[in-house]
Protein backbone atom coordinates (compact mmCIF):
# COMPACT_ATOMS: atom_id res chain seq x y z
CA MET A 1 -15.52 -13.02 0.06
CA ILE A 2 -12.58 -14.89 1.25
CA LEU A 3 -10.96 -15.34 -2.20
CA GLU A 4 -11.36 -11.40 -2.49
CA ALA A 5 -9.65 -10.60 0.73
CA LEU A 6 -6.89 -13.19 -0.13
CA ALA A 7 -6.55 -11.66 -3.49
CA SER A 8 -6.30 -8.22 -2.14
CA ALA A 9 -3.64 -9.33 0.42
CA VAL A 10 -1.48 -10.80 -2.42
CA LEU A 11 -1.68 -7.58 -4.54
CA GLY A 12 -0.77 -5.86 -1.27
CA LEU A 13 2.02 -7.79 -0.91
CA VAL A 14 3.09 -7.61 -4.37
CA LEU A 15 2.99 -3.78 -4.54
CA ALA A 16 5.06 -3.59 -0.87
CA TRP A 17 7.73 -5.81 -2.60
CA ALA A 18 7.79 -3.80 -5.83
CA ALA A 19 8.06 -0.49 -3.54
CA ALA A 20 10.65 -2.11 -1.46
CA ARG A 21 12.61 -3.45 -4.20
CA ARG A 22 12.59 0.22 -6.08
CA LEU A 23 12.77 2.69 -3.54
CA SER A 24 14.81 0.83 -0.69
CA ARG A 25 16.77 3.95 0.19
CA ARG A 26 13.82 5.82 0.88
CA LEU A 27 11.94 3.24 2.89
CA PRO A 28 12.19 1.86 6.33
CA ALA A 29 12.56 -1.77 7.36
CA ARG A 30 11.04 -4.23 5.05
CA PRO A 31 8.59 -5.94 7.50
CA LEU A 32 7.00 -2.66 8.18
CA VAL A 33 6.38 -1.99 4.28
CA PHE A 34 5.12 -5.74 3.78
CA SER A 35 2.89 -5.28 6.74
CA THR A 36 1.90 -1.80 5.63
CA GLY A 37 1.36 -2.95 1.89
CA ILE A 38 -1.04 -5.64 3.17
CA ALA A 39 -3.12 -3.80 5.71
CA GLY A 40 -3.69 -1.11 3.18
CA SER A 41 -4.78 -3.56 0.64
CA LEU A 42 -7.10 -5.23 3.09
CA PHE A 43 -8.53 -1.90 4.44
CA GLY A 44 -9.00 -0.62 0.92
CA ASP A 45 -10.83 -3.93 0.11
CA PHE A 46 -13.15 -3.42 3.00
CA VAL A 47 -13.52 0.13 2.42
CA THR A 48 -14.70 -0.11 -1.41
CA HIS A 49 -16.62 -3.55 -0.85
CA THR A 50 -18.49 -1.75 1.76
CA ALA A 51 -19.26 1.26 -0.42
CA LEU A 52 -20.00 -0.50 -3.41
CA GLY A 53 -21.69 -3.86 -1.97
CA PRO A 54 -21.45 -7.64 -3.26
CA GLY A 55 -20.60 -8.49 -6.86
CA THR A 56 -17.85 -5.75 -7.57
CA ALA A 57 -14.90 -8.03 -7.11
CA TRP A 58 -12.99 -6.14 -9.56
CA LEU A 59 -13.62 -2.69 -8.17
CA SER A 60 -12.73 -3.72 -4.89
CA LEU A 61 -9.43 -5.07 -6.04
CA VAL A 62 -8.81 -1.68 -7.55
CA GLY A 63 -9.76 -0.01 -4.24
CA ALA A 64 -7.40 -2.18 -2.29
CA ALA A 65 -4.63 -1.18 -5.00
CA VAL A 66 -5.13 2.43 -4.54
CA ILE A 67 -5.21 2.56 -0.61
CA SER A 68 -2.57 0.19 -0.50
CA ALA A 69 -0.27 2.35 -2.59
CA ALA A 70 -1.50 5.69 -0.74
CA SER A 71 -0.44 4.17 2.40
CA LEU A 72 2.88 2.83 1.41
CA SER A 73 3.61 6.49 -0.15
CA LEU A 74 3.26 7.42 3.49
CA LEU A 75 6.27 5.69 4.64
CA LEU A 76 8.44 7.61 1.98
CA ARG A 77 11.59 9.50 3.43
CA PRO A 78 13.07 12.74 1.77
CA THR A 79 15.87 12.30 -0.43
CA GLY A 80 19.13 14.18 0.88
CA ARG A 81 18.53 16.48 -1.86
CA MET A 82 15.30 17.92 -0.81
CA ARG A 83 16.22 18.53 2.83
CA ARG A 84 16.67 22.07 4.20
CA SER A 85 19.94 23.39 5.41
CA ALA A 86 20.20 23.58 9.41
CA THR A 87 21.25 27.44 9.23
CA ALA A 88 18.20 28.67 7.47
């Protein structure tokens, strides 16, 4: 269980690093991105492990990756092209 939580935290850190590197202009400060990735991954692991039970470590890591990516996507800001004009 400890190794599963550690693996999901590392997975969240890697996903947050990749998002911060690829989408740096559209994300807030890096510490917020990294903490959101790790927290989302740990929460996803907890939810998946609770739903599926013990013995499903790989599926728990998949759930951790999905929830971490979803929580990181909530931090994205729109680009300048997508904003509406103030006169409309």
